[in-house]
Amino acid sequence: MSSFYCSECDVNWWPHQTDHGRCPMCGEDTVPREELVSGDADILSRIARDEAAKCDAYASFELYFDERDQDHAA
């Protein structure tokens, strides 16, 4: 069983959960290992994905209102 280990989070991730070898939670590089995936990797991956989506949505919201405010000020 091949996994990707993040020493920062102490989690062994499935290969598809990493982003080009980067930890989905902290963004640090991972190291390929021949170990079992951590038992909580699936739930942690979902949490990290949901948090990233929330941050993206919030950033889009802020950008929209910043541009709108600039248009009204001009």
Protein backbone atom coordinates (compact mmCIF):
# COMPACT_ATOMS: atom_id res chain seq x y z
CA MET A 1 0.00 0.00 0.00
CA SER A 2 1.47 3.30 -1.05
CA SER A 3 0.66 6.51 0.79
CA PHE A 4 2.01 10.04 1.07
CA TYR A 5 3.17 11.05 4.55
CA CYS A 6 3.04 14.60 5.90
CA SER A 7 5.33 14.98 8.90
CA GLU A 8 3.73 18.33 9.77
CA CYS A 9 0.23 16.83 10.17
CA ASP A 10 1.41 13.28 10.95
CA VAL A 11 -1.00 11.81 8.38
CA ASN A 12 -0.54 9.23 5.64
CA TRP A 13 -2.68 10.36 2.69
CA TRP A 14 -4.05 8.50 -0.32
CA PRO A 15 -2.21 9.62 -3.46
CA HIS A 16 -5.40 11.17 -4.92
CA GLN A 17 -5.85 13.28 -1.79
CA THR A 18 -2.59 15.16 -2.25
CA ASP A 19 -2.16 18.06 -4.63
CA HIS A 20 0.96 17.19 -6.62
CA GLY A 21 2.52 15.69 -3.49
CA ARG A 22 1.41 18.49 -1.17
CA CYS A 23 -0.56 17.89 2.00
CA PRO A 24 -4.22 18.91 1.63
CA MET A 25 -4.31 20.30 5.17
CA CYS A 26 -1.10 22.32 5.56
CA GLY A 27 0.29 22.49 2.01
CA GLU A 28 3.69 21.07 2.96
CA ASP A 29 5.48 18.50 0.82
CA THR A 30 4.69 14.85 1.49
CA VAL A 31 6.95 11.82 1.27
CA PRO A 32 5.87 8.60 -0.50
CA ARG A 33 5.78 5.64 1.86
CA GLU A 34 4.87 1.99 1.71
CA GLU A 35 2.50 2.29 4.69
CA LEU A 36 -1.21 2.13 5.24
CA VAL A 37 -3.22 5.31 4.84
CA SER A 38 -4.17 6.93 8.16
CA GLY A 39 -7.63 6.00 9.41
CA ASP A 40 -8.76 9.62 9.52
CA ALA A 41 -7.30 10.62 6.12
CA ASP A 42 -10.69 10.54 4.36
CA ILE A 43 -12.46 12.80 6.84
CA LEU A 44 -9.48 15.15 7.13
CA SER A 45 -9.32 15.38 3.34
CA ARG A 46 -13.02 16.31 3.18
CA ILE A 47 -12.57 18.94 5.87
CA ALA A 48 -9.57 20.44 4.05
CA ARG A 49 -11.45 20.44 0.73
CA ASP A 50 -14.52 22.09 2.29
CA GLU A 51 -12.38 24.74 4.02
CA ALA A 52 -10.61 25.54 0.74
CA ALA A 53 -13.96 25.86 -1.05
CA LYS A 54 -15.25 28.15 1.68
CA CYS A 55 -12.15 30.35 1.42
CA ASP A 56 -12.50 30.52 -2.37
CA ALA A 57 -16.16 31.52 -2.10
CA TYR A 58 -15.37 34.16 0.50
CA ALA A 59 -12.55 35.58 -1.64
CA SER A 60 -14.88 35.80 -4.66
CA PHE A 61 -17.50 37.54 -2.53
CA GLU A 62 -14.98 40.07 -1.23
CA LEU A 63 -13.61 40.71 -4.74
CA TYR A 64 -17.11 41.35 -6.10
CA PHE A 65 -17.95 43.90 -3.41
CA ASP A 66 -14.54 45.59 -3.59
CA GLU A 67 -14.97 46.09 -7.34
CA ARG A 68 -18.55 47.28 -6.89
CA ASP A 69 -17.48 49.81 -4.27
CA GLN A 70 -14.71 51.09 -6.55
CA ASP A 71 -17.20 51.50 -9.40
CA HIS A 72 -19.56 53.48 -7.18
CA ALA A 73 -16.73 55.68 -5.90
CA ALA A 74 -15.63 56.59 -9.44
